[in-house]
């Protein structure tokens, strides 16, 4: 069974600065998770990519099987953020 949220080798760079680098994880349907880390760890940037507010530099993110870049509208139907 595919995950409700699937992030695979996600990276987001601002010029020469990596805000998020090669992050991968899966959240299955019905799971409750916490997204923790120190300030500057890339939590907000990762959430912005997953929710379709900004594209990744590389890697992929899917919500309910929908790519957040190519199928942004469909993916957003499953997000409350």
PDB file of N, CA and C in Angstrom:
ATOM      1  N   UNK A   1       0.846  -1.189   0.000  1.00  0.00           N
ATOM      2  CA  UNK A   1       0.000   0.000   0.000  1.00  0.00           C
ATOM      3  C   UNK A   1       0.887   1.246   0.000  1.00  0.00           C
ATOM      4  N   UNK A   2       0.612   2.160  -0.890  1.00  0.00           N
ATOM      5  CA  UNK A   2       1.373   3.404  -0.961  1.00  0.00           C
ATOM      6  C   UNK A   2       1.028   4.297   0.221  1.00  0.00           C
ATOM      7  N   UNK A   3       1.960   5.151   0.572  1.00  0.00           N
ATOM      8  CA  UNK A   3       1.751   6.055   1.692  1.00  0.00           C
ATOM      9  C   UNK A   3       0.831   7.200   1.333  1.00  0.00           C
ATOM     10  N   UNK A   4       0.249   7.807   2.346  1.00  0.00           N
ATOM     11  CA  UNK A   4      -0.577   8.991   2.132  1.00  0.00           C
ATOM     12  C   UNK A   4       0.312  10.168   1.751  1.00  0.00           C
ATOM     13  N   UNK A   5       1.498  10.227   2.372  1.00  0.00           N
ATOM     14  CA  UNK A   5       2.514  11.218   2.011  1.00  0.00           C
ATOM     15  C   UNK A   5       3.790  10.443   1.717  1.00  0.00           C
ATOM     16  N   UNK A   6       4.348  10.664   0.544  1.00  0.00           N
ATOM     17  CA  UNK A   6       5.593  10.006   0.157  1.00  0.00           C
ATOM     18  C   UNK A   6       6.586  11.076  -0.294  1.00  0.00           C
ATOM     19  N   UNK A   7       7.697  11.154   0.379  1.00  0.00           N
ATOM     20  CA  UNK A   7       8.750  12.111   0.041  1.00  0.00           C
ATOM     21  C   UNK A   7       9.998  11.298  -0.276  1.00  0.00           C
ATOM     22  N   UNK A   8      10.575  11.546  -1.453  1.00  0.00           N
ATOM     23  CA  UNK A   8      11.703  10.754  -1.901  1.00  0.00           C
ATOM     24  C   UNK A   8      12.852  11.649  -2.372  1.00  0.00           C
ATOM     25  N   UNK A   9      13.947  11.625  -1.619  1.00  0.00           N
ATOM     26  CA  UNK A   9      15.169  12.368  -1.952  1.00  0.00           C
ATOM     27  C   UNK A   9      14.888  13.833  -2.256  1.00  0.00           C
ATOM     28  N   UNK A  10      14.051  14.456  -1.443  1.00  0.00           N
ATOM     29  CA  UNK A  10      13.638  15.843  -1.632  1.00  0.00           C
ATOM     30  C   UNK A  10      14.761  16.799  -1.235  1.00  0.00           C
ATOM     31  N   UNK A  11      15.039  17.758  -2.106  1.00  0.00           N
ATOM     32  CA  UNK A  11      16.009  18.816  -1.816  1.00  0.00           C
ATOM     33  C   UNK A  11      15.438  20.150  -2.262  1.00  0.00           C
ATOM     34  N   UNK A  12      15.774  21.188  -1.522  1.00  0.00           N
ATOM     35  CA  UNK A  12      15.420  22.558  -1.893  1.00  0.00           C
ATOM     36  C   UNK A  12      16.623  23.434  -1.584  1.00  0.00           C
ATOM     37  N   UNK A  13      17.145  24.061  -2.607  1.00  0.00           N
ATOM     38  CA  UNK A  13      18.304  24.937  -2.477  1.00  0.00           C
ATOM     39  C   UNK A  13      17.893  26.367  -2.763  1.00  0.00           C
ATOM     40  N   UNK A  14      18.483  27.303  -2.029  1.00  0.00           N
ATOM     41  CA  UNK A  14      18.354  28.730  -2.296  1.00  0.00           C
ATOM     42  C   UNK A  14      19.744  29.191  -2.705  1.00  0.00           C
ATOM     43  N   UNK A  15      19.976  29.283  -4.003  1.00  0.00           N
ATOM     44  CA  UNK A  15      21.316  29.597  -4.491  1.00  0.00           C
ATOM     45  C   UNK A  15      22.264  28.459  -4.125  1.00  0.00           C
ATOM     46  N   UNK A  16      23.304  28.772  -3.367  1.00  0.00           N
ATOM     47  CA  UNK A  16      24.273  27.763  -2.929  1.00  0.00           C
ATOM     48  C   UNK A  16      23.956  27.193  -1.553  1.00  0.00           C
ATOM     49  N   UNK A  17      22.809  27.573  -0.972  1.00  0.00           N
ATOM     50  CA  UNK A  17      22.459  27.167   0.388  1.00  0.00           C
ATOM     51  C   UNK A  17      21.393  26.064   0.359  1.00  0.00           C
ATOM     52  N   UNK A  18      21.701  24.881   0.916  1.00  0.00           N
ATOM     53  CA  UNK A  18      20.687  23.822   0.966  1.00  0.00           C
ATOM     54  C   UNK A  18      19.765  23.990   2.180  1.00  0.00           C
ATOM     55  N   UNK A  19      18.496  24.281   1.930  1.00  0.00           N
ATOM     56  CA  UNK A  19      17.531  24.378   3.029  1.00  0.00           C
ATOM     57  C   UNK A  19      17.062  22.984   3.429  1.00  0.00           C
ATOM     58  N   UNK A  20      16.933  22.094   2.442  1.00  0.00           N
ATOM     59  CA  UNK A  20      16.539  20.698   2.644  1.00  0.00           C
ATOM     60  C   UNK A  20      17.401  19.884   1.682  1.00  0.00           C
ATOM     61  N   UNK A  21      17.963  18.786   2.185  1.00  0.00           N
ATOM     62  CA  UNK A  21      18.858  18.012   1.331  1.00  0.00           C
ATOM     63  C   UNK A  21      18.596  16.516   1.464  1.00  0.00           C
ATOM     64  N   UNK A  22      18.100  15.915   0.383  1.00  0.00           N
ATOM     65  CA  UNK A  22      17.888  14.469   0.276  1.00  0.00           C
ATOM     66  C   UNK A  22      17.043  13.873   1.403  1.00  0.00           C
ATOM     67  N   UNK A  23      15.890  14.471   1.677  1.00  0.00           N
ATOM     68  CA  UNK A  23      14.985  13.979   2.712  1.00  0.00           C
ATOM     69  C   UNK A  23      14.026  12.959   2.100  1.00  0.00           C
ATOM     70  N   UNK A  24      13.866  11.827   2.770  1.00  0.00           N
ATOM     71  CA  UNK A  24      12.923  10.791   2.338  1.00  0.00           C
ATOM     72  C   UNK A  24      12.145  10.274   3.543  1.00  0.00           C
ATOM     73  N   UNK A  25      10.831  10.146   3.391  1.00  0.00           N
ATOM     74  CA  UNK A  25      10.005   9.523   4.425  1.00  0.00           C
ATOM     75  C   UNK A  25       8.642   9.200   3.847  1.00  0.00           C
ATOM     76  N   UNK A  26       7.896   8.385   4.566  1.00  0.00           N
ATOM     77  CA  UNK A  26       6.557   7.997   4.157  1.00  0.00           C
ATOM     78  C   UNK A  26       5.641   8.051   5.373  1.00  0.00           C
ATOM     79  N   UNK A  27       4.443   8.562   5.177  1.00  0.00           N
ATOM     80  CA  UNK A  27       3.412   8.572   6.205  1.00  0.00           C
ATOM     81  C   UNK A  27       2.246   7.785   5.643  1.00  0.00           C
ATOM     82  N   UNK A  28       1.886   6.711   6.315  1.00  0.00           N
ATOM     83  CA  UNK A  28       0.787   5.865   5.846  1.00  0.00           C
ATOM     84  C   UNK A  28      -0.552   6.438   6.277  1.00  0.00           C
ATOM     85  N   UNK A  29      -1.575   6.075   5.562  1.00  0.00           N
ATOM     86  CA  UNK A  29      -2.935   6.514   5.876  1.00  0.00           C
ATOM     87  C   UNK A  29      -3.260   6.146   7.323  1.00  0.00           C
ATOM     88  N   UNK A  30      -3.791   7.103   8.072  1.00  0.00           N
ATOM     89  CA  UNK A  30      -4.192   6.879   9.450  1.00  0.00           C
ATOM     90  C   UNK A  30      -3.094   7.115  10.476  1.00  0.00           C
ATOM     91  N   UNK A  31      -1.851   7.263  10.041  1.00  0.00           N
ATOM     92  CA  UNK A  31      -0.766   7.526  10.981  1.00  0.00           C
ATOM     93  C   UNK A  31      -0.786   8.979  11.427  1.00  0.00           C
ATOM     94  N   UNK A  32      -0.354   9.188  12.646  1.00  0.00           N
ATOM     95  CA  UNK A  32      -0.191  10.534  13.185  1.00  0.00           C
ATOM     96  C   UNK A  32       1.296  10.698  13.452  1.00  0.00           C
ATOM     97  N   UNK A  33       1.885  11.756  12.899  1.00  0.00           N
ATOM     98  CA  UNK A  33       3.321  11.965  13.035  1.00  0.00           C
ATOM     99  C   UNK A  33       3.616  13.385  13.499  1.00  0.00           C
ATOM    100  N   UNK A  34       4.787  13.565  14.048  1.00  0.00           N
ATOM    101  CA  UNK A  34       5.296  14.884  14.399  1.00  0.00           C
ATOM    102  C   UNK A  34       6.502  15.176  13.533  1.00  0.00           C
ATOM    103  N   UNK A  35       6.669  16.407  13.145  1.00  0.00           N
ATOM    104  CA  UNK A  35       7.777  16.824  12.295  1.00  0.00           C
ATOM    105  C   UNK A  35       8.637  17.752  13.134  1.00  0.00           C
ATOM    106  N   UNK A  36       9.687  17.207  13.723  1.00  0.00           N
ATOM    107  CA  UNK A  36      10.483  17.934  14.701  1.00  0.00           C
ATOM    108  C   UNK A  36      11.901  18.180  14.215  1.00  0.00           C
ATOM    109  N   UNK A  37      12.496  19.249  14.698  1.00  0.00           N
ATOM    110  CA  UNK A  37      13.896  19.555  14.400  1.00  0.00           C
ATOM    111  C   UNK A  37      14.223  20.943  14.896  1.00  0.00           C
ATOM    112  N   UNK A  38      15.500  21.254  14.998  1.00  0.00           N
ATOM    113  CA  UNK A  38      15.906  22.578  15.473  1.00  0.00           C
ATOM    114  C   UNK A  38      15.585  23.660  14.437  1.00  0.00           C
ATOM    115  N   UNK A  39      15.647  24.910  14.874  1.00  0.00           N
ATOM    116  CA  UNK A  39      15.451  26.031  13.952  1.00  0.00           C
ATOM    117  C   UNK A  39      16.446  25.907  12.804  1.00  0.00           C
ATOM    118  N   UNK A  40      15.961  26.142  11.592  1.00  0.00           N
ATOM    119  CA  UNK A  40      16.825  26.090  10.424  1.00  0.00           C
ATOM    120  C   UNK A  40      17.035  24.698   9.855  1.00  0.00           C
ATOM    121  N   UNK A  41      16.325  23.697  10.387  1.00  0.00           N
ATOM    122  CA  UNK A  41      16.509  22.316   9.925  1.00  0.00           C
ATOM    123  C   UNK A  41      15.806  22.034   8.602  1.00  0.00           C
ATOM    124  N   UNK A  42      14.874  22.889   8.200  1.00  0.00           N
ATOM    125  CA  UNK A  42      14.167  22.691   6.932  1.00  0.00           C
ATOM    126  C   UNK A  42      12.742  22.201   7.066  1.00  0.00           C
ATOM    127  N   UNK A  43      12.191  22.253   8.274  1.00  0.00           N
ATOM    128  CA  UNK A  43      10.817  21.771   8.488  1.00  0.00           C
ATOM    129  C   UNK A  43       9.806  22.581   7.675  1.00  0.00           C
ATOM    130  N   UNK A  44       9.860  23.888   7.768  1.00  0.00           N
ATOM    131  CA  UNK A  44       8.907  24.739   7.062  1.00  0.00           C
ATOM    132  C   UNK A  44       9.089  24.627   5.561  1.00  0.00           C
ATOM    133  N   UNK A  45      10.315  24.604   5.102  1.00  0.00           N
ATOM    134  CA  UNK A  45      10.567  24.462   3.667  1.00  0.00           C
ATOM    135  C   UNK A  45      10.011  23.143   3.157  1.00  0.00           C
ATOM    136  N   UNK A  46      10.234  22.060   3.890  1.00  0.00           N
ATOM    137  CA  UNK A  46       9.707  20.760   3.489  1.00  0.00           C
ATOM    138  C   UNK A  46       8.184  20.800   3.417  1.00  0.00           C
ATOM    139  N   UNK A  47       7.540  21.390   4.404  1.00  0.00           N
ATOM    140  CA  UNK A  47       6.081  21.491   4.394  1.00  0.00           C
ATOM    141  C   UNK A  47       5.588  22.353   3.233  1.00  0.00           C
ATOM    142  N   UNK A  48       6.300  23.409   2.902  1.00  0.00           N
ATOM    143  CA  UNK A  48       5.908  24.251   1.769  1.00  0.00           C
ATOM    144  C   UNK A  48       5.982  23.493   0.455  1.00  0.00           C
ATOM    145  N   UNK A  49       6.973  22.625   0.324  1.00  0.00           N
ATOM    146  CA  UNK A  49       7.072  21.802  -0.886  1.00  0.00           C
ATOM    147  C   UNK A  49       5.936  20.772  -0.915  1.00  0.00           C
ATOM    148  N   UNK A  50       5.720  20.073   0.207  1.00  0.00           N
ATOM    149  CA  UNK A  50       4.685  19.040   0.262  1.00  0.00           C
ATOM    150  C   UNK A  50       3.301  19.624  -0.028  1.00  0.00           C
ATOM    151  N   UNK A  51       3.047  20.833   0.438  1.00  0.00           N
ATOM    152  CA  UNK A  51       1.740  21.451   0.258  1.00  0.00           C
ATOM    153  C   UNK A  51       1.602  22.206  -1.065  1.00  0.00           C
ATOM    154  N   UNK A  52       2.647  22.192  -1.882  1.00  0.00           N
ATOM    155  CA  UNK A  52       2.565  22.799  -3.202  1.00  0.00           C
ATOM    156  C   UNK A  52       2.800  24.291  -3.245  1.00  0.00           C
ATOM    157  N   UNK A  53       3.272  24.893  -2.169  1.00  0.00           N
ATOM    158  CA  UNK A  53       3.523  26.332  -2.164  1.00  0.00           C
ATOM    159  C   UNK A  53       4.823  26.696  -2.868  1.00  0.00           C
ATOM    160  N   UNK A  54       5.751  25.732  -2.984  1.00  0.00           N
ATOM    161  CA  UNK A  54       6.991  25.959  -3.729  1.00  0.00           C
ATOM    162  C   UNK A  54       7.480  24.631  -4.285  1.00  0.00           C
ATOM    163  N   UNK A  55       8.131  24.680  -5.434  1.00  0.00           N
ATOM    164  CA  UNK A  55       8.617  23.430  -6.036  1.00  0.00           C
ATOM    165  C   UNK A  55       9.941  22.991  -5.404  1.00  0.00           C
ATOM    166  N   UNK A  56      10.216  21.697  -5.421  1.00  0.00           N
ATOM    167  CA  UNK A  56      11.511  21.231  -4.942  1.00  0.00           C
ATOM    168  C   UNK A  56      12.591  21.528  -5.986  1.00  0.00           C
ATOM    169  N   UNK A  57      13.826  21.612  -5.537  1.00  0.00           N
ATOM    170  CA  UNK A  57      14.945  21.711  -6.473  1.00  0.00           C
ATOM    171  C   UNK A  57      15.150  20.352  -7.126  1.00  0.00           C
ATOM    172  N   UNK A  58      15.015  19.288  -6.317  1.00  0.00           N
ATOM    173  CA  UNK A  58      15.096  17.925  -6.848  1.00  0.00           C
ATOM    174  C   UNK A  58      14.314  17.001  -5.922  1.00  0.00           C
ATOM    175  N   UNK A  59      14.070  15.791  -6.392  1.00  0.00           N
ATOM    176  CA  UNK A  59      13.304  14.823  -5.621  1.00  0.00           C
ATOM    177  C   UNK A  59      11.821  14.960  -5.890  1.00  0.00           C
ATOM    178  N   UNK A  60      11.045  14.122  -5.192  1.00  0.00           N
ATOM    179  CA  UNK A  60       9.601  14.121  -5.406  1.00  0.00           C
ATOM    180  C   UNK A  60       8.848  14.106  -4.077  1.00  0.00           C
ATOM    181  N   UNK A  61       7.622  14.586  -4.141  1.00  0.00           N
ATOM    182  CA  UNK A  61       6.700  14.498  -3.012  1.00  0.00           C
ATOM    183  C   UNK A  61       5.328  14.184  -3.581  1.00  0.00           C
ATOM    184  N   UNK A  62       4.658  13.236  -2.961  1.00  0.00           N
ATOM    185  CA  UNK A  62       3.310  12.847  -3.385  1.00  0.00           C
ATOM    186  C   UNK A  62       2.383  12.862  -2.181  1.00  0.00           C
ATOM    187  N   UNK A  63       1.149  13.279  -2.434  1.00  0.00           N
ATOM    188  CA  UNK A  63       0.097  13.244  -1.424  1.00  0.00           C
ATOM    189  C   UNK A  63      -1.049  12.437  -2.026  1.00  0.00           C
ATOM    190  N   UNK A  64      -1.422  11.362  -1.353  1.00  0.00           N
ATOM    191  CA  UNK A  64      -2.477  10.461  -1.840  1.00  0.00           C
ATOM    192  C   UNK A  64      -2.182   9.989  -3.261  1.00  0.00           C
ATOM    193  N   UNK A  65      -0.903   9.774  -3.552  1.00  0.00           N
ATOM    194  CA  UNK A  65      -0.493   9.285  -4.860  1.00  0.00           C
ATOM    195  C   UNK A  65      -0.351  10.342  -5.933  1.00  0.00           C
ATOM    196  N   UNK A  66      -0.612  11.598  -5.606  1.00  0.00           N
ATOM    197  CA  UNK A  66      -0.546  12.694  -6.572  1.00  0.00           C
ATOM    198  C   UNK A  66       0.725  13.505  -6.370  1.00  0.00           C
ATOM    199  N   UNK A  67       1.485  13.656  -7.439  1.00  0.00           N
ATOM    200  CA  UNK A  67       2.710  14.444  -7.394  1.00  0.00           C
ATOM    201  C   UNK A  67       2.362  15.899  -7.102  1.00  0.00           C
ATOM    202  N   UNK A  68       3.031  16.496  -6.120  1.00  0.00           N
ATOM    203  CA  UNK A  68       2.675  17.856  -5.695  1.00  0.00           C
ATOM    204  C   UNK A  68       3.071  18.921  -6.707  1.00  0.00           C
ATOM    205  N   UNK A  69       3.917  18.571  -7.675  1.00  0.00           N
ATOM    206  CA  UNK A  69       4.278  19.521  -8.725  1.00  0.00           C
ATOM    207  C   UNK A  69       3.374  19.333  -9.942  1.00  0.00           C
ATOM    208  N   UNK A  70       3.294  18.118 -10.446  1.00  0.00           N
ATOM    209  CA  UNK A  70       2.529  17.858 -11.673  1.00  0.00           C
ATOM    210  C   UNK A  70       1.025  17.804 -11.446  1.00  0.00           C
ATOM    211  N   UNK A  71       0.595  17.421 -10.249  1.00  0.00           N
ATOM    212  CA  UNK A  71      -0.836  17.292  -9.946  1.00  0.00           C
ATOM    213  C   UNK A  71      -1.185  18.077  -8.683  1.00  0.00           C
ATOM    214  N   UNK A  72      -0.737  19.307  -8.641  1.00  0.00           N
ATOM    215  CA  UNK A  72      -0.865  20.126  -7.435  1.00  0.00           C
ATOM    216  C   UNK A  72      -2.310  20.269  -6.952  1.00  0.00           C
ATOM    217  N   UNK A  73      -3.222  20.545  -7.861  1.00  0.00           N
ATOM    218  CA  UNK A  73      -4.628  20.724  -7.446  1.00  0.00           C
ATOM    219  C   UNK A  73      -5.202  19.468  -6.821  1.00  0.00           C
ATOM    220  N   UNK A  74      -4.908  18.328  -7.440  1.00  0.00           N
ATOM    221  CA  UNK A  74      -5.428  17.061  -6.922  1.00  0.00           C
ATOM    222  C   UNK A  74      -4.809  16.742  -5.557  1.00  0.00           C
ATOM    223  N   UNK A  75      -3.502  16.959  -5.416  1.00  0.00           N
ATOM    224  CA  UNK A  75      -2.821  16.698  -4.147  1.00  0.00           C
ATOM    225  C   UNK A  75      -3.370  17.594  -3.036  1.00  0.00           C
ATOM    226  N   UNK A  76      -3.648  18.845  -3.363  1.00  0.00           N
ATOM    227  CA  UNK A  76      -4.124  19.790  -2.344  1.00  0.00           C
ATOM    228  C   UNK A  76      -5.509  19.431  -1.794  1.00  0.00           C
ATOM    229  N   UNK A  77      -6.274  18.639  -2.524  1.00  0.00           N
ATOM    230  CA  UNK A  77      -7.581  18.215  -2.025  1.00  0.00           C
ATOM    231  C   UNK A  77      -7.466  17.367  -0.755  1.00  0.00           C
ATOM    232  N   UNK A  78      -6.304  16.787  -0.531  1.00  0.00           N
ATOM    233  CA  UNK A  78      -6.087  15.906   0.613  1.00  0.00           C
ATOM    234  C   UNK A  78      -5.318  16.582   1.741  1.00  0.00           C
ATOM    235  N   UNK A  79      -5.081  17.893   1.647  1.00  0.00           N
ATOM    236  CA  UNK A  79      -4.234  18.595   2.614  1.00  0.00           C
ATOM    237  C   UNK A  79      -5.043  19.625   3.392  1.00  0.00           C
ATOM    238  N   UNK A  80      -4.870  19.628   4.689  1.00  0.00           N
ATOM    239  CA  UNK A  80      -5.363  20.696   5.542  1.00  0.00           C
ATOM    240  C   UNK A  80      -4.161  21.281   6.263  1.00  0.00           C
ATOM    241  N   UNK A  81      -3.733  22.467   5.852  1.00  0.00           N
ATOM    242  CA  UNK A  81      -2.481  23.027   6.392  1.00  0.00           C
ATOM    243  C   UNK A  81      -2.642  24.486   6.653  1.00  0.00           C
TER     244      UNK A  81
END
